Amino acid sequence: MSFPEKEQVTVQGPCNRMSGTNTLPYPWFSFTLISSTKMACPDLRQENIVIDALNNATLVEILNDVMILSNTENLNMVFRAVD
């Protein structure tokens, strides 16, 4: 996952690259998918699980190189920044 510009979100899954937006102010999060490639691969099911989780995330917390996307229904996705 990367944030190339303000309000833009890109996700590189095992099969596809997706672009979307988050227009809510921190700490709120709302991923809106705008475009996606349409490649099939053996990991497509897992990719769809990640996209569903992104769509259900409502909060973002950032501390140093860690970002947590979560919601009130026990969703917790932890991302660590890489160079």
N, C-alpha and C. Protein backbone atom coordinates (compact mmCIF):
# COMPACT_ATOMS: atom_id res chain seq x y z
N MET A 1 0.85 -1.16 0.00
CA MET A 1 0.00 0.00 0.00
C MET A 1 0.90 1.23 0.00
N SER A 2 0.51 2.21 -0.80
CA SER A 2 1.24 3.47 -0.82
C SER A 2 0.26 4.62 -0.99
N PHE A 3 0.78 5.80 -0.74
CA PHE A 3 -0.02 7.02 -0.79
C PHE A 3 0.72 8.02 -1.66
N PRO A 4 0.60 7.91 -2.99
CA PRO A 4 1.40 8.73 -3.89
C PRO A 4 1.08 10.22 -3.85
N GLU A 5 -0.15 10.56 -3.54
CA GLU A 5 -0.57 11.96 -3.44
C GLU A 5 -1.64 12.07 -2.38
N LYS A 6 -1.92 13.29 -1.96
CA LYS A 6 -2.96 13.51 -0.96
C LYS A 6 -4.27 12.86 -1.42
N GLU A 7 -4.87 12.11 -0.51
CA GLU A 7 -6.15 11.43 -0.72
C GLU A 7 -6.07 10.24 -1.66
N GLN A 8 -4.92 9.91 -2.22
CA GLN A 8 -4.77 8.76 -3.10
C GLN A 8 -4.18 7.57 -2.36
N VAL A 9 -4.71 6.39 -2.68
CA VAL A 9 -4.23 5.14 -2.10
C VAL A 9 -4.01 4.16 -3.24
N THR A 10 -2.85 3.51 -3.26
CA THR A 10 -2.62 2.44 -4.22
C THR A 10 -2.25 1.18 -3.45
N VAL A 11 -2.71 0.06 -3.97
CA VAL A 11 -2.47 -1.24 -3.34
C VAL A 11 -1.98 -2.19 -4.43
N GLN A 12 -0.85 -2.83 -4.16
CA GLN A 12 -0.35 -3.87 -5.06
C GLN A 12 -0.64 -5.21 -4.42
N GLY A 13 -1.63 -5.90 -4.95
CA GLY A 13 -1.96 -7.23 -4.46
C GLY A 13 -1.14 -8.27 -5.19
N PRO A 14 -1.35 -9.54 -4.88
CA PRO A 14 -0.61 -10.59 -5.57
C PRO A 14 -0.99 -10.71 -7.05
N CYS A 15 -2.18 -10.24 -7.40
CA CYS A 15 -2.64 -10.34 -8.79
C CYS A 15 -2.79 -8.99 -9.47
N ASN A 16 -3.26 -8.01 -8.75
CA ASN A 16 -3.67 -6.74 -9.37
C ASN A 16 -3.16 -5.52 -8.61
N ARG A 17 -3.13 -4.43 -9.33
CA ARG A 17 -2.83 -3.12 -8.74
C ARG A 17 -4.13 -2.35 -8.71
N MET A 18 -4.44 -1.80 -7.53
CA MET A 18 -5.68 -1.07 -7.34
C MET A 18 -5.40 0.35 -6.93
N SER A 19 -6.22 1.26 -7.39
CA SER A 19 -6.12 2.68 -7.01
C SER A 19 -7.44 3.11 -6.42
N GLY A 20 -7.34 3.94 -5.39
CA GLY A 20 -8.54 4.43 -4.75
C GLY A 20 -8.27 5.73 -4.03
N THR A 21 -9.23 6.14 -3.24
CA THR A 21 -9.10 7.38 -2.49
C THR A 21 -9.49 7.17 -1.03
N ASN A 22 -8.99 8.05 -0.20
CA ASN A 22 -9.43 8.23 1.17
C ASN A 22 -9.55 9.74 1.36
N THR A 23 -10.77 10.24 1.38
CA THR A 23 -10.96 11.69 1.46
C THR A 23 -11.32 12.16 2.87
N LEU A 24 -11.35 11.23 3.83
CA LEU A 24 -11.68 11.61 5.20
C LEU A 24 -10.44 12.10 5.94
N PRO A 25 -10.61 13.02 6.89
CA PRO A 25 -9.47 13.50 7.67
C PRO A 25 -9.02 12.46 8.69
N TYR A 26 -7.73 12.49 8.99
CA TYR A 26 -7.15 11.61 10.00
C TYR A 26 -7.86 11.85 11.33
N PRO A 27 -8.29 10.83 12.05
CA PRO A 27 -7.93 9.42 11.97
C PRO A 27 -8.95 8.56 11.24
N TRP A 28 -9.86 9.15 10.50
CA TRP A 28 -10.89 8.37 9.82
C TRP A 28 -10.37 7.83 8.50
N PHE A 29 -10.94 6.73 8.05
CA PHE A 29 -10.49 6.08 6.82
C PHE A 29 -11.69 5.53 6.09
N SER A 30 -11.73 5.76 4.79
CA SER A 30 -12.76 5.20 3.93
C SER A 30 -12.16 4.98 2.55
N PHE A 31 -11.85 3.72 2.22
CA PHE A 31 -11.24 3.39 0.94
C PHE A 31 -12.32 3.28 -0.12
N THR A 32 -12.17 4.08 -1.18
CA THR A 32 -13.08 4.01 -2.32
C THR A 32 -12.28 3.58 -3.53
N LEU A 33 -12.56 2.38 -4.02
CA LEU A 33 -11.85 1.84 -5.18
C LEU A 33 -12.24 2.61 -6.43
N ILE A 34 -11.25 3.06 -7.19
CA ILE A 34 -11.49 3.80 -8.42
C ILE A 34 -11.17 2.94 -9.63
N SER A 35 -10.02 2.24 -9.57
CA SER A 35 -9.66 1.40 -10.70
C SER A 35 -8.84 0.21 -10.24
N SER A 36 -8.84 -0.82 -11.06
CA SER A 36 -8.09 -2.03 -10.75
C SER A 36 -7.78 -2.75 -12.05
N THR A 37 -6.60 -3.35 -12.10
CA THR A 37 -6.33 -4.25 -13.22
C THR A 37 -7.20 -5.48 -13.00
N LYS A 38 -7.34 -6.30 -13.99
CA LYS A 38 -8.25 -7.45 -13.92
C LYS A 38 -7.53 -8.77 -14.21
N MET A 39 -6.39 -8.96 -13.57
CA MET A 39 -5.61 -10.17 -13.78
C MET A 39 -6.09 -11.26 -12.82
N ALA A 40 -6.09 -12.49 -13.30
CA ALA A 40 -6.41 -13.63 -12.44
C ALA A 40 -5.10 -14.32 -12.06
N CYS A 41 -5.07 -14.87 -10.87
CA CYS A 41 -3.93 -15.62 -10.41
C CYS A 41 -4.39 -16.53 -9.28
N PRO A 42 -3.55 -17.48 -8.85
CA PRO A 42 -3.96 -18.39 -7.77
C PRO A 42 -4.29 -17.69 -6.45
N ASP A 43 -3.78 -16.48 -6.22
CA ASP A 43 -4.01 -15.78 -4.96
C ASP A 43 -5.15 -14.76 -5.02
N LEU A 44 -5.98 -14.85 -6.04
CA LEU A 44 -7.06 -13.87 -6.21
C LEU A 44 -8.03 -13.88 -5.03
N ARG A 45 -8.31 -15.04 -4.46
CA ARG A 45 -9.20 -15.12 -3.30
C ARG A 45 -8.65 -14.32 -2.13
N GLN A 46 -7.36 -14.46 -1.85
CA GLN A 46 -6.73 -13.71 -0.76
C GLN A 46 -6.74 -12.21 -1.04
N GLU A 47 -6.52 -11.86 -2.31
CA GLU A 47 -6.55 -10.45 -2.69
C GLU A 47 -7.92 -9.85 -2.43
N ASN A 48 -8.97 -10.59 -2.75
CA ASN A 48 -10.33 -10.10 -2.51
C ASN A 48 -10.61 -9.93 -1.02
N ILE A 49 -10.04 -10.79 -0.18
CA ILE A 49 -10.20 -10.65 1.26
C ILE A 49 -9.57 -9.34 1.74
N VAL A 50 -8.39 -9.01 1.21
CA VAL A 50 -7.72 -7.77 1.58
C VAL A 50 -8.54 -6.55 1.13
N ILE A 51 -9.05 -6.58 -0.08
CA ILE A 51 -9.86 -5.47 -0.59
C ILE A 51 -11.13 -5.31 0.26
N ASP A 52 -11.77 -6.41 0.62
CA ASP A 52 -12.95 -6.32 1.48
C ASP A 52 -12.59 -5.70 2.83
N ALA A 53 -11.43 -6.09 3.38
CA ALA A 53 -10.99 -5.51 4.66
C ALA A 53 -10.74 -4.02 4.52
N LEU A 54 -10.09 -3.60 3.43
CA LEU A 54 -9.87 -2.17 3.21
C LEU A 54 -11.19 -1.42 3.12
N ASN A 55 -12.16 -2.02 2.46
CA ASN A 55 -13.47 -1.38 2.34
C ASN A 55 -14.18 -1.27 3.68
N ASN A 56 -13.85 -2.15 4.64
CA ASN A 56 -14.50 -2.14 5.94
C ASN A 56 -13.74 -1.35 7.00
N ALA A 57 -12.51 -0.94 6.70
CA ALA A 57 -11.73 -0.16 7.66
C ALA A 57 -12.32 1.24 7.79
N THR A 58 -12.35 1.75 9.03
CA THR A 58 -12.90 3.08 9.27
C THR A 58 -11.96 4.00 10.03
N LEU A 59 -10.90 3.43 10.62
CA LEU A 59 -9.94 4.22 11.39
C LEU A 59 -8.52 3.91 10.94
N VAL A 60 -7.66 4.93 10.99
CA VAL A 60 -6.24 4.74 10.70
C VAL A 60 -5.45 5.33 11.85
N GLU A 61 -4.42 4.61 12.27
CA GLU A 61 -3.52 5.08 13.31
C GLU A 61 -2.10 4.93 12.79
N ILE A 62 -1.30 5.98 12.90
CA ILE A 62 0.08 5.94 12.43
C ILE A 62 1.00 6.29 13.58
N LEU A 63 1.98 5.43 13.81
CA LEU A 63 2.98 5.67 14.84
C LEU A 63 4.33 5.23 14.29
N ASN A 64 5.20 6.20 14.06
CA ASN A 64 6.52 5.94 13.46
C ASN A 64 6.34 5.24 12.13
N ASP A 65 6.85 4.02 11.98
CA ASP A 65 6.77 3.32 10.70
C ASP A 65 5.65 2.28 10.64
N VAL A 66 4.67 2.37 11.55
CA VAL A 66 3.56 1.42 11.60
C VAL A 66 2.24 2.15 11.35
N MET A 67 1.42 1.55 10.50
CA MET A 67 0.08 2.05 10.24
C MET A 67 -0.90 0.92 10.54
N ILE A 68 -1.94 1.23 11.30
CA ILE A 68 -2.97 0.25 11.62
C ILE A 68 -4.29 0.75 11.07
N LEU A 69 -4.93 -0.07 10.25
CA LEU A 69 -6.28 0.20 9.78
C LEU A 69 -7.20 -0.70 10.58
N SER A 70 -8.29 -0.12 11.09
CA SER A 70 -9.17 -0.91 11.94
C SER A 70 -10.61 -0.43 11.82
N ASN A 71 -11.49 -1.13 12.53
CA ASN A 71 -12.88 -0.70 12.69
C ASN A 71 -13.38 -1.19 14.04
N THR A 72 -14.62 -0.94 14.36
CA THR A 72 -15.17 -1.34 15.65
C THR A 72 -15.63 -2.80 15.67
N GLU A 73 -15.49 -3.51 14.56
CA GLU A 73 -15.89 -4.92 14.49
C GLU A 73 -14.67 -5.85 14.52
N ASN A 74 -13.62 -5.44 15.20
CA ASN A 74 -12.41 -6.27 15.41
C ASN A 74 -11.52 -6.44 14.18
N LEU A 75 -11.65 -5.59 13.19
CA LEU A 75 -10.72 -5.61 12.07
C LEU A 75 -9.46 -4.86 12.48
N ASN A 76 -8.32 -5.46 12.29
CA ASN A 76 -7.01 -4.82 12.54
C ASN A 76 -6.05 -5.25 11.46
N MET A 77 -5.65 -4.32 10.64
CA MET A 77 -4.65 -4.58 9.60
C MET A 77 -3.41 -3.75 9.95
N VAL A 78 -2.28 -4.41 10.10
CA VAL A 78 -1.04 -3.74 10.51
C VAL A 78 -0.08 -3.70 9.33
N PHE A 79 0.39 -2.51 9.01
CA PHE A 79 1.34 -2.31 7.91
C PHE A 79 2.60 -1.66 8.48
N ARG A 80 3.74 -2.12 8.01
CA ARG A 80 5.02 -1.55 8.43
C ARG A 80 5.68 -0.93 7.19
N ALA A 81 6.14 0.31 7.32
CA ALA A 81 6.76 1.01 6.21
C ALA A 81 8.09 0.34 5.83
N VAL A 82 8.35 0.31 4.54
CA VAL A 82 9.61 -0.20 4.03
C VAL A 82 10.22 0.86 3.12
N ASP A 83 11.55 0.82 3.00
CA ASP A 83 12.24 1.76 2.13
C ASP A 83 12.18 1.33 0.68
